[in-house]
PDB file of N, CA and C in Angstrom:
ATOM      1  N   MET A   1     -16.213 -26.912 -67.642  1.00  0.00           N
ATOM      2  CA  MET A   1     -16.668 -25.761 -66.358  1.00  0.00           C
ATOM      3  C   MET A   1     -15.420 -25.767 -65.585  1.00  0.00           C
ATOM      4  N   LEU A   2     -15.314 -24.482 -65.009  1.00  0.00           N
ATOM      5  CA  LEU A   2     -14.273 -24.135 -63.900  1.00  0.00           C
ATOM      6  C   LEU A   2     -14.636 -24.584 -62.566  1.00  0.00           C
ATOM      7  N   PRO A   3     -13.780 -25.065 -61.862  1.00  0.00           N
ATOM      8  CA  PRO A   3     -14.176 -25.667 -60.443  1.00  0.00           C
ATOM      9  C   PRO A   3     -14.656 -24.446 -59.811  1.00  0.00           C
ATOM     10  N   GLN A   4     -15.507 -24.391 -58.860  1.00  0.00           N
ATOM     11  CA  GLN A   4     -15.841 -23.337 -57.890  1.00  0.00           C
ATOM     12  C   GLN A   4     -14.800 -22.964 -56.875  1.00  0.00           C
ATOM     13  N   THR A   5     -14.572 -21.789 -56.977  1.00  0.00           N
ATOM     14  CA  THR A   5     -13.380 -21.226 -55.786  1.00  0.00           C
ATOM     15  C   THR A   5     -14.273 -20.480 -54.657  1.00  0.00           C
ATOM     16  N   LYS A   6     -13.547 -20.651 -53.758  1.00  0.00           N
ATOM     17  CA  LYS A   6     -14.293 -19.564 -52.452  1.00  0.00           C
ATOM     18  C   LYS A   6     -13.634 -18.123 -52.502  1.00  0.00           C
ATOM     19  N   SER A   7     -14.204 -17.106 -52.336  1.00  0.00           N
ATOM     20  CA  SER A   7     -13.589 -15.764 -52.364  1.00  0.00           C
ATOM     21  C   SER A   7     -12.670 -15.718 -51.121  1.00  0.00           C
ATOM     22  N   ILE A   8     -11.867 -14.843 -51.067  1.00  0.00           N
ATOM     23  CA  ILE A   8     -10.835 -14.676 -49.683  1.00  0.00           C
ATOM     24  C   ILE A   8     -11.888 -14.248 -48.493  1.00  0.00           C
ATOM     25  N   THR A   9     -13.015 -13.614 -48.767  1.00  0.00           N
ATOM     26  CA  THR A   9     -13.841 -13.285 -47.678  1.00  0.00           C
ATOM     27  C   THR A   9     -14.524 -14.360 -47.185  1.00  0.00           C
ATOM     28  N   SER A  10     -14.892 -15.627 -47.689  1.00  0.00           N
ATOM     29  CA  SER A  10     -15.638 -16.680 -47.346  1.00  0.00           C
ATOM     30  C   SER A  10     -14.449 -17.745 -46.708  1.00  0.00           C
ATOM     31  N   VAL A  11     -13.382 -17.395 -46.526  1.00  0.00           N
ATOM     32  CA  VAL A  11     -12.613 -18.503 -46.006  1.00  0.00           C
ATOM     33  C   VAL A  11     -12.865 -18.776 -44.537  1.00  0.00           C
ATOM     34  N   ASP A  12     -13.189 -20.066 -44.246  1.00  0.00           N
ATOM     35  CA  ASP A  12     -13.319 -20.453 -42.685  1.00  0.00           C
ATOM     36  C   ASP A  12     -11.937 -20.290 -41.957  1.00  0.00           C
ATOM     37  N   HIS A  13     -12.004 -19.044 -41.292  1.00  0.00           N
ATOM     38  CA  HIS A  13     -10.986 -18.745 -40.439  1.00  0.00           C
ATOM     39  C   HIS A  13     -10.477 -19.643 -39.470  1.00  0.00           C
ATOM     40  N   ASN A  14     -11.340 -20.482 -38.897  1.00  0.00           N
ATOM     41  CA  ASN A  14     -10.994 -21.552 -37.962  1.00  0.00           C
ATOM     42  C   ASN A  14     -10.274 -22.655 -38.561  1.00  0.00           C
ATOM     43  N   SER A  15     -10.431 -22.703 -39.701  1.00  0.00           N
ATOM     44  CA  SER A  15      -9.577 -23.715 -40.476  1.00  0.00           C
ATOM     45  C   SER A  15      -8.202 -23.295 -40.837  1.00  0.00           C
ATOM     46  N   PHE A  16      -8.212 -22.065 -41.154  1.00  0.00           N
ATOM     47  CA  PHE A  16      -6.805 -21.702 -41.552  1.00  0.00           C
ATOM     48  C   PHE A  16      -6.130 -21.193 -40.240  1.00  0.00           C
ATOM     49  N   PHE A  17      -6.482 -21.011 -39.163  1.00  0.00           N
ATOM     50  CA  PHE A  17      -5.652 -20.669 -38.147  1.00  0.00           C
ATOM     51  C   PHE A  17      -5.438 -21.943 -37.302  1.00  0.00           C
ATOM     52  N   GLN A  18      -5.872 -22.980 -37.477  1.00  0.00           N
ATOM     53  CA  GLN A  18      -5.442 -24.520 -36.793  1.00  0.00           C
ATOM     54  C   GLN A  18      -4.061 -24.618 -37.279  1.00  0.00           C
ATOM     55  N   TYR A  19      -3.655 -23.959 -38.410  1.00  0.00           N
ATOM     56  CA  TYR A  19      -2.400 -24.304 -39.026  1.00  0.00           C
ATOM     57  C   TYR A  19      -1.290 -23.226 -38.702  1.00  0.00           C
ATOM     58  N   VAL A  20      -1.485 -22.122 -38.213  1.00  0.00           N
ATOM     59  CA  VAL A  20      -0.823 -21.036 -37.891  1.00  0.00           C
ATOM     60  C   VAL A  20      -0.326 -21.388 -36.370  1.00  0.00           C
ATOM     61  N   ARG A  21       0.654 -21.374 -35.910  1.00  0.00           N
ATOM     62  CA  ARG A  21       1.445 -21.372 -34.781  1.00  0.00           C
ATOM     63  C   ARG A  21       2.248 -20.394 -34.194  1.00  0.00           C
ATOM     64  N   ILE A  22       2.042 -19.519 -32.983  1.00  0.00           N
ATOM     65  CA  ILE A  22       2.777 -18.620 -32.444  1.00  0.00           C
ATOM     66  C   ILE A  22       4.327 -19.072 -32.024  1.00  0.00           C
ATOM     67  N   MET A  23       5.348 -18.459 -32.303  1.00  0.00           N
ATOM     68  CA  MET A  23       6.411 -18.706 -31.493  1.00  0.00           C
ATOM     69  C   MET A  23       6.458 -18.786 -30.159  1.00  0.00           C
ATOM     70  N   ILE A  24       6.931 -19.928 -29.232  1.00  0.00           N
ATOM     71  CA  ILE A  24       6.997 -19.924 -28.078  1.00  0.00           C
ATOM     72  C   ILE A  24       8.358 -19.521 -27.467  1.00  0.00           C
ATOM     73  N   SER A  25       8.233 -18.620 -26.493  1.00  0.00           N
ATOM     74  CA  SER A  25       9.683 -18.185 -25.717  1.00  0.00           C
ATOM     75  C   SER A  25       9.972 -19.207 -24.697  1.00  0.00           C
ATOM     76  N   TRP A  26      11.308 -19.140 -24.399  1.00  0.00           N
ATOM     77  CA  TRP A  26      11.583 -20.057 -23.117  1.00  0.00           C
ATOM     78  C   TRP A  26      10.728 -19.475 -21.930  1.00  0.00           C
ATOM     79  N   LYS A  27      10.689 -18.392 -21.597  1.00  0.00           N
ATOM     80  CA  LYS A  27       9.845 -17.952 -20.479  1.00  0.00           C
ATOM     81  C   LYS A  27       8.482 -18.523 -20.465  1.00  0.00           C
ATOM     82  N   GLU A  28       7.911 -18.577 -21.450  1.00  0.00           N
ATOM     83  CA  GLU A  28       6.806 -18.948 -21.705  1.00  0.00           C
ATOM     84  C   GLU A  28       6.587 -20.739 -21.554  1.00  0.00           C
ATOM     85  N   PHE A  29       7.485 -21.173 -22.095  1.00  0.00           N
ATOM     86  CA  PHE A  29       7.605 -22.653 -22.105  1.00  0.00           C
ATOM     87  C   PHE A  29       8.026 -23.317 -20.956  1.00  0.00           C
ATOM     88  N   ASN A  30       8.804 -22.461 -20.116  1.00  0.00           N
ATOM     89  CA  ASN A  30       9.324 -22.800 -18.654  1.00  0.00           C
ATOM     90  C   ASN A  30       7.947 -22.669 -17.759  1.00  0.00           C
ATOM     91  N   GLY A  31       7.110 -21.946 -18.195  1.00  0.00           N
ATOM     92  CA  GLY A  31       5.758 -21.754 -17.317  1.00  0.00           C
ATOM     93  C   GLY A  31       5.119 -22.739 -17.538  1.00  0.00           C
ATOM     94  N   TYR A  32       5.100 -23.562 -18.633  1.00  0.00           N
ATOM     95  CA  TYR A  32       4.181 -24.766 -18.648  1.00  0.00           C
ATOM     96  C   TYR A  32       3.946 -25.753 -17.736  1.00  0.00           C
ATOM     97  N   SER A  33       3.034 -26.446 -17.468  1.00  0.00           N
ATOM     98  CA  SER A  33       3.012 -27.650 -16.798  1.00  0.00           C
ATOM     99  C   SER A  33       4.090 -28.641 -17.221  1.00  0.00           C
ATOM    100  N   PHE A  34       4.615 -29.701 -16.364  1.00  0.00           N
ATOM    101  CA  PHE A  34       5.189 -30.604 -17.037  1.00  0.00           C
ATOM    102  C   PHE A  34       4.713 -31.470 -18.095  1.00  0.00           C
ATOM    103  N   ASP A  35       3.594 -31.730 -17.942  1.00  0.00           N
ATOM    104  CA  ASP A  35       2.784 -32.686 -19.066  1.00  0.00           C
ATOM    105  C   ASP A  35       2.493 -31.975 -20.346  1.00  0.00           C
ATOM    106  N   ARG A  36       2.333 -30.528 -20.121  1.00  0.00           N
ATOM    107  CA  ARG A  36       2.110 -29.380 -21.183  1.00  0.00           C
ATOM    108  C   ARG A  36       3.612 -29.329 -21.925  1.00  0.00           C
ATOM    109  N   LYS A  37       4.606 -29.315 -21.037  1.00  0.00           N
ATOM    110  CA  LYS A  37       6.127 -29.207 -21.906  1.00  0.00           C
ATOM    111  C   LYS A  37       6.180 -30.425 -22.719  1.00  0.00           C
ATOM    112  N   ILE A  38       5.837 -31.527 -22.206  1.00  0.00           N
ATOM    113  CA  ILE A  38       6.261 -32.814 -23.015  1.00  0.00           C
ATOM    114  C   ILE A  38       5.343 -32.838 -24.300  1.00  0.00           C
ATOM    115  N   ASN A  39       4.103 -32.467 -24.118  1.00  0.00           N
ATOM    116  CA  ASN A  39       3.129 -32.567 -25.158  1.00  0.00           C
ATOM    117  C   ASN A  39       3.683 -31.435 -26.269  1.00  0.00           C
ATOM    118  N   THR A  40       4.216 -30.288 -25.830  1.00  0.00           N
ATOM    119  CA  THR A  40       4.331 -29.174 -26.801  1.00  0.00           C
ATOM    120  C   THR A  40       6.035 -29.725 -27.457  1.00  0.00           C
ATOM    121  N   LEU A  41       6.669 -30.437 -26.865  1.00  0.00           N
ATOM    122  CA  LEU A  41       8.101 -30.834 -27.426  1.00  0.00           C
ATOM    123  C   LEU A  41       7.804 -31.939 -28.302  1.00  0.00           C
ATOM    124  N   TYR A  42       6.787 -32.926 -28.035  1.00  0.00           N
ATOM    125  CA  TYR A  42       6.743 -33.925 -29.058  1.00  0.00           C
ATOM    126  C   TYR A  42       5.734 -33.618 -30.344  1.00  0.00           C
ATOM    127  N   ALA A  43       4.950 -32.315 -29.994  1.00  0.00           N
ATOM    128  CA  ALA A  43       3.973 -32.000 -31.056  1.00  0.00           C
ATOM    129  C   ALA A  43       4.700 -30.954 -32.009  1.00  0.00           C
ATOM    130  N   THR A  44       5.636 -30.139 -31.275  1.00  0.00           N
ATOM    131  CA  THR A  44       6.026 -29.178 -32.470  1.00  0.00           C
ATOM    132  C   THR A  44       7.749 -28.992 -32.270  1.00  0.00           C
ATOM    133  N   GLY A  45       8.157 -29.610 -31.434  1.00  0.00           N
ATOM    134  CA  GLY A  45       9.775 -29.641 -31.475  1.00  0.00           C
ATOM    135  C   GLY A  45      10.508 -30.474 -32.313  1.00  0.00           C
ATOM    136  N   ASN A  46      11.812 -30.190 -32.567  1.00  0.00           N
ATOM    137  CA  ASN A  46      12.481 -31.039 -33.473  1.00  0.00           C
ATOM    138  C   ASN A  46      13.416 -31.833 -32.700  1.00  0.00           C
ATOM    139  N   PHE A  47      13.347 -33.167 -32.892  1.00  0.00           N
ATOM    140  CA  PHE A  47      14.514 -34.008 -32.041  1.00  0.00           C
ATOM    141  C   PHE A  47      15.615 -33.744 -32.971  1.00  0.00           C
ATOM    142  N   ILE A  48      16.613 -33.599 -32.295  1.00  0.00           N
ATOM    143  CA  ILE A  48      18.050 -33.124 -32.723  1.00  0.00           C
ATOM    144  C   ILE A  48      18.888 -34.775 -32.342  1.00  0.00           C
ATOM    145  N   MET A  49      18.969 -35.295 -31.380  1.00  0.00           N
ATOM    146  CA  MET A  49      19.847 -36.312 -30.967  1.00  0.00           C
ATOM    147  C   MET A  49      19.557 -36.767 -29.648  1.00  0.00           C
ATOM    148  N   ALA A  50      20.284 -37.837 -28.966  1.00  0.00           N
ATOM    149  CA  ALA A  50      20.271 -38.432 -27.880  1.00  0.00           C
ATOM    150  C   ALA A  50      21.402 -38.677 -27.494  1.00  0.00           C
ATOM    151  N   ILE A  51      21.823 -38.367 -26.059  1.00  0.00           N
ATOM    152  CA  ILE A  51      23.179 -38.831 -25.642  1.00  0.00           C
ATOM    153  C   ILE A  51      22.890 -39.637 -24.215  1.00  0.00           C
ATOM    154  N   ARG A  52      24.109 -40.225 -23.746  1.00  0.00           N
ATOM    155  CA  ARG A  52      23.956 -40.838 -22.446  1.00  0.00           C
ATOM    156  C   ARG A  52      24.700 -40.142 -21.499  1.00  0.00           C
ATOM    157  N   TYR A  53      24.202 -39.816 -20.169  1.00  0.00           N
ATOM    158  CA  TYR A  53      24.845 -38.885 -19.390  1.00  0.00           C
ATOM    159  C   TYR A  53      24.608 -39.451 -18.031  1.00  0.00           C
ATOM    160  N   TYR A  54      25.589 -40.277 -17.306  1.00  0.00           N
ATOM    161  CA  TYR A  54      25.596 -40.692 -16.210  1.00  0.00           C
ATOM    162  C   TYR A  54      24.295 -41.843 -16.234  1.00  0.00           C
ATOM    163  N   SER A  55      23.340 -41.509 -15.347  1.00  0.00           N
ATOM    164  CA  SER A  55      22.239 -42.784 -15.562  1.00  0.00           C
ATOM    165  C   SER A  55      20.955 -42.104 -16.461  1.00  0.00           C
ATOM    166  N   PHE A  56      21.194 -41.008 -17.136  1.00  0.00           N
ATOM    167  CA  PHE A  56      20.272 -40.453 -17.773  1.00  0.00           C
ATOM    168  C   PHE A  56      20.463 -40.813 -19.636  1.00  0.00           C
ATOM    169  N   LYS A  57      19.640 -40.745 -20.143  1.00  0.00           N
ATOM    170  CA  LYS A  57      19.314 -40.656 -21.676  1.00  0.00           C
ATOM    171  C   LYS A  57      18.956 -39.438 -21.895  1.00  0.00           C
ATOM    172  N   ILE A  58      19.557 -38.437 -22.581  1.00  0.00           N
ATOM    173  CA  ILE A  58      19.030 -37.084 -22.715  1.00  0.00           C
ATOM    174  C   ILE A  58      18.834 -37.079 -24.255  1.00  0.00           C
ATOM    175  N   ASN A  59      17.375 -36.424 -24.418  1.00  0.00           N
ATOM    176  CA  ASN A  59      16.971 -36.093 -25.732  1.00  0.00           C
ATOM    177  C   ASN A  59      17.195 -34.617 -25.959  1.00  0.00           C
ATOM    178  N   LEU A  60      17.678 -34.308 -27.008  1.00  0.00           N
ATOM    179  CA  LEU A  60      17.760 -32.771 -27.368  1.00  0.00           C
ATOM    180  C   LEU A  60      16.974 -32.548 -28.364  1.00  0.00           C
ATOM    181  N   TYR A  61      16.109 -31.237 -28.244  1.00  0.00           N
ATOM    182  CA  TYR A  61      14.972 -30.808 -29.012  1.00  0.00           C
ATOM    183  C   TYR A  61      15.441 -29.472 -29.266  1.00  0.00           C
ATOM    184  N   LEU A  62      15.139 -28.961 -30.656  1.00  0.00           N
ATOM    185  CA  LEU A  62      14.965 -27.567 -31.167  1.00  0.00           C
ATOM    186  C   LEU A  62      13.513 -27.063 -30.994  1.00  0.00           C
ATOM    187  N   LEU A  63      13.080 -26.180 -30.180  1.00  0.00           N
ATOM    188  CA  LEU A  63      11.897 -25.519 -30.053  1.00  0.00           C
ATOM    189  C   LEU A  63      11.899 -24.214 -30.330  1.00  0.00           C
ATOM    190  N   ASP A  64      11.418 -23.889 -31.510  1.00  0.00           N
ATOM    191  CA  ASP A  64      11.538 -22.626 -32.162  1.00  0.00           C
ATOM    192  C   ASP A  64      13.040 -22.059 -32.158  1.00  0.00           C
ATOM    193  N   ASN A  65      13.336 -21.264 -30.929  1.00  0.00           N
ATOM    194  CA  ASN A  65      14.664 -20.731 -31.128  1.00  0.00           C
ATOM    195  C   ASN A  65      15.532 -20.933 -29.896  1.00  0.00           C
ATOM    196  N   PHE A  66      15.272 -22.158 -29.188  1.00  0.00           N
ATOM    197  CA  PHE A  66      16.155 -22.509 -28.156  1.00  0.00           C
ATOM    198  C   PHE A  66      16.053 -24.064 -28.282  1.00  0.00           C
ATOM    199  N   TYR A  67      17.014 -24.628 -27.604  1.00  0.00           N
ATOM    200  CA  TYR A  67      17.244 -26.073 -27.335  1.00  0.00           C
ATOM    201  C   TYR A  67      16.942 -26.583 -26.025  1.00  0.00           C
ATOM    202  N   VAL A  68      16.195 -27.759 -25.942  1.00  0.00           N
ATOM    203  CA  VAL A  68      15.619 -28.225 -24.859  1.00  0.00           C
ATOM    204  C   VAL A  68      16.229 -29.556 -24.529  1.00  0.00           C
ATOM    205  N   GLU A  69      16.584 -29.788 -23.232  1.00  0.00           N
ATOM    206  CA  GLU A  69      17.020 -31.164 -22.846  1.00  0.00           C
ATOM    207  C   GLU A  69      15.913 -32.004 -22.002  1.00  0.00           C
ATOM    208  N   VAL A  70      15.726 -33.004 -22.259  1.00  0.00           N
ATOM    209  CA  VAL A  70      14.996 -33.970 -21.686  1.00  0.00           C
ATOM    210  C   VAL A  70      15.413 -35.151 -21.030  1.00  0.00           C
ATOM    211  N   PHE A  71      15.653 -35.026 -19.657  1.00  0.00           N
ATOM    212  CA  PHE A  71      16.426 -35.881 -18.944  1.00  0.00           C
ATOM    213  C   PHE A  71      15.603 -37.359 -18.460  1.00  0.00           C
ATOM    214  N   ILE A  72      16.024 -38.559 -19.168  1.00  0.00           N
ATOM    215  CA  ILE A  72      14.978 -39.762 -19.121  1.00  0.00           C
ATOM    216  C   ILE A  72      15.968 -40.653 -18.236  1.00  0.00           C
ATOM    217  N   ASP A  73      15.410 -41.246 -17.170  1.00  0.00           N
ATOM    218  CA  ASP A  73      15.907 -42.220 -16.201  1.00  0.00           C
ATOM    219  C   ASP A  73      15.447 -43.518 -16.850  1.00  0.00           C
ATOM    220  N   HIS A  74      16.406 -44.115 -17.739  1.00  0.00           N
ATOM    221  CA  HIS A  74      15.763 -45.264 -18.503  1.00  0.00           C
ATOM    222  C   HIS A  74      15.623 -46.294 -17.517  1.00  0.00           C
ATOM    223  N   LYS A  75      16.379 -46.531 -16.270  1.00  0.00           N
ATOM    224  CA  LYS A  75      15.853 -47.676 -15.375  1.00  0.00           C
ATOM    225  C   LYS A  75      14.543 -47.624 -14.976  1.00  0.00           C
ATOM    226  N   LYS A  76      14.024 -46.290 -14.664  1.00  0.00           N
ATOM    227  CA  LYS A  76      12.649 -46.209 -14.293  1.00  0.00           C
ATOM    228  C   LYS A  76      11.837 -45.822 -15.222  1.00  0.00           C
ATOM    229  N   ALA A  77      12.202 -45.634 -16.539  1.00  0.00           N
ATOM    230  CA  ALA A  77      11.550 -45.464 -17.548  1.00  0.00           C
ATOM    231  C   ALA A  77      10.538 -44.070 -17.260  1.00  0.00           C
ATOM    232  N   LYS A  78      11.235 -43.063 -16.951  1.00  0.00           N
ATOM    233  CA  LYS A  78      10.620 -42.022 -16.568  1.00  0.00           C
ATOM    234  C   LYS A  78      11.406 -40.523 -16.650  1.00  0.00           C
ATOM    235  N   ILE A  79      10.490 -39.490 -17.332  1.00  0.00           N
ATOM    236  CA  ILE A  79      11.259 -38.191 -17.521  1.00  0.00           C
ATOM    237  C   ILE A  79      11.579 -37.664 -16.292  1.00  0.00           C
ATOM    238  N   GLU A  80      12.479 -37.220 -15.852  1.00  0.00           N
ATOM    239  CA  GLU A  80      12.881 -36.744 -14.613  1.00  0.00           C
ATOM    240  C   GLU A  80      13.069 -35.010 -14.622  1.00  0.00           C
ATOM    241  N   LYS A  81      13.385 -34.701 -15.895  1.00  0.00           N
ATOM    242  CA  LYS A  81      13.666 -33.119 -15.960  1.00  0.00           C
ATOM    243  C   LYS A  81      13.537 -32.855 -17.317  1.00  0.00           C
ATOM    244  N   ILE A  82      13.223 -31.596 -17.616  1.00  0.00           N
ATOM    245  CA  ILE A  82      13.217 -30.698 -18.794  1.00  0.00           C
ATOM    246  C   ILE A  82      13.711 -29.458 -18.467  1.00  0.00           C
ATOM    247  N   THR A  83      14.939 -29.169 -19.165  1.00  0.00           N
ATOM    248  CA  THR A  83      15.664 -27.966 -18.961  1.00  0.00           C
ATOM    249  C   THR A  83      16.190 -27.359 -20.576  1.00  0.00           C
ATOM    250  N   ARG A  84      16.445 -26.195 -20.249  1.00  0.00           N
ATOM    251  CA  ARG A  84      16.879 -25.289 -21.449  1.00  0.00           C
ATOM    252  C   ARG A  84      18.405 -25.839 -21.664  1.00  0.00           C
ATOM    253  N   LEU A  85      18.869 -26.027 -22.647  1.00  0.00           N
ATOM    254  CA  LEU A  85      20.292 -26.377 -23.006  1.00  0.00           C
ATOM    255  C   LEU A  85      21.284 -25.428 -22.461  1.00  0.00           C
ATOM    256  N   ASP A  86      22.250 -25.725 -21.450  1.00  0.00           N
ATOM    257  CA  ASP A  86      23.242 -24.965 -21.033  1.00  0.00           C
ATOM    258  C   ASP A  86      24.361 -24.940 -21.849  1.00  0.00           C
ATOM    259  N   THR A  87      24.714 -24.062 -22.832  1.00  0.00           N
ATOM    260  CA  THR A  87      25.714 -24.299 -23.553  1.00  0.00           C
ATOM    261  C   THR A  87      27.217 -24.235 -22.814  1.00  0.00           C
ATOM    262  N   SER A  88      27.332 -23.621 -21.628  1.00  0.00           N
ATOM    263  CA  SER A  88      28.488 -23.760 -20.947  1.00  0.00           C
ATOM    264  C   SER A  88      28.757 -24.881 -20.020  1.00  0.00           C
ATOM    265  N   HIS A  89      27.876 -26.005 -20.116  1.00  0.00           N
ATOM    266  CA  HIS A  89      28.007 -27.040 -19.277  1.00  0.00           C
ATOM    267  C   HIS A  89      29.190 -28.056 -19.990  1.00  0.00           C
ATOM    268  N   SER A  90      29.814 -28.743 -19.079  1.00  0.00           N
ATOM    269  CA  SER A  90      30.880 -29.699 -19.550  1.00  0.00           C
ATOM    270  C   SER A  90      30.049 -30.770 -20.276  1.00  0.00           C
ATOM    271  N   ARG A  91      28.695 -31.118 -20.300  1.00  0.00           N
ATOM    272  CA  ARG A  91      27.851 -32.080 -21.121  1.00  0.00           C
ATOM    273  C   ARG A  91      28.008 -31.658 -22.536  1.00  0.00           C
ATOM    274  N   MET A  92      28.278 -30.326 -23.000  1.00  0.00           N
ATOM    275  CA  MET A  92      28.115 -30.136 -24.353  1.00  0.00           C
ATOM    276  C   MET A  92      29.181 -30.965 -24.835  1.00  0.00           C
ATOM    277  N   LYS A  93      30.187 -31.452 -24.638  1.00  0.00           N
ATOM    278  CA  LYS A  93      31.439 -32.348 -25.221  1.00  0.00           C
ATOM    279  C   LYS A  93      30.617 -33.441 -25.840  1.00  0.00           C
ATOM    280  N   PHE A  94      29.478 -34.067 -25.099  1.00  0.00           N
ATOM    281  CA  PHE A  94      28.970 -35.231 -25.629  1.00  0.00           C
ATOM    282  C   PHE A  94      28.125 -34.967 -26.941  1.00  0.00           C
ATOM    283  N   TYR A  95      27.602 -33.638 -26.802  1.00  0.00           N
ATOM    284  CA  TYR A  95      26.975 -33.509 -28.143  1.00  0.00           C
ATOM    285  C   TYR A  95      27.969 -33.119 -29.438  1.00  0.00           C
ATOM    286  N   TYR A  96      29.106 -32.132 -29.081  1.00  0.00           N
ATOM    287  CA  TYR A  96      30.161 -31.698 -29.954  1.00  0.00           C
ATOM    288  C   TYR A  96      30.819 -32.996 -30.609  1.00  0.00           C
ATOM    289  N   ASP A  97      31.070 -34.083 -29.749  1.00  0.00           N
ATOM    290  CA  ASP A  97      31.430 -35.240 -30.261  1.00  0.00           C
ATOM    291  C   ASP A  97      30.625 -36.119 -31.592  1.00  0.00           C
ATOM    292  N   GLN A  98      29.241 -35.668 -31.371  1.00  0.00           N
ATOM    293  CA  GLN A  98      28.503 -36.473 -32.750  1.00  0.00           C
ATOM    294  C   GLN A  98      28.061 -35.421 -33.706  1.00  0.00           C
ATOM    295  N   ILE A  99      27.537 -34.089 -33.351  1.00  0.00           N
ATOM    296  CA  ILE A  99      27.207 -33.139 -34.296  1.00  0.00           C
ATOM    297  C   ILE A  99      27.849 -31.779 -33.985  1.00  0.00           C
ATOM    298  N   LYS A 100      27.554 -30.938 -35.199  1.00  0.00           N
ATOM    299  CA  LYS A 100      28.049 -29.624 -34.883  1.00  0.00           C
ATOM    300  C   LYS A 100      26.395 -28.998 -34.743  1.00  0.00           C
ATOM    301  N   LEU A 101      26.369 -28.417 -33.622  1.00  0.00           N
ATOM    302  CA  LEU A 101      25.048 -27.408 -33.541  1.00  0.00           C
ATOM    303  C   LEU A 101      25.180 -26.249 -33.750  1.00  0.00           C
ATOM    304  N   PRO A 102      24.284 -25.524 -34.906  1.00  0.00           N
ATOM    305  CA  PRO A 102      24.356 -24.044 -35.272  1.00  0.00           C
ATOM    306  C   PRO A 102      23.831 -23.313 -34.081  1.00  0.00           C
ATOM    307  N   THR A 103      24.585 -22.030 -34.153  1.00  0.00           N
ATOM    308  CA  THR A 103      24.446 -20.977 -33.233  1.00  0.00           C
ATOM    309  C   THR A 103      22.979 -20.432 -33.398  1.00  0.00           C
ATOM    310  N   ILE A 104      22.048 -20.240 -32.514  1.00  0.00           N
ATOM    311  CA  ILE A 104      20.609 -19.678 -32.447  1.00  0.00           C
ATOM    312  C   ILE A 104      21.110 -18.168 -32.201  1.00  0.00           C
ATOM    313  N   HIS A 105      20.637 -17.141 -32.719  1.00  0.00           N
ATOM    314  CA  HIS A 105      20.770 -15.633 -31.981  1.00  0.00           C
ATOM    315  C   HIS A 105      19.624 -15.435 -31.542  1.00  0.00           C
ATOM    316  N   GLN A 106      19.579 -14.680 -30.175  1.00  0.00           N
ATOM    317  CA  GLN A 106      18.618 -14.673 -29.536  1.00  0.00           C
ATOM    318  C   GLN A 106      18.238 -13.104 -29.248  1.00  0.00           C
TER     319      GLN A 106
END
């Protein structure tokens, strides 16, 4: 006996769309609240690496088509800021010393 299958017209659309995610733009992400930025990064971002920079540990994430830096003050155990990676900043040498970041075309 063959297993019973559902026709395409009887698919539960709510369960299907829970797996579909629209890409986020930097403009949209930057408009999120601080907590929502954190939740979005941890839920859908890809952790790339961490560096030490002055008093900060900086976690680098790839979120859709842009890189995001999360500045953590490890002495306070607090996230101080979340910014888009500035590829012209001198801090880039800390990343380049460890990995080669692919270019993202925007």
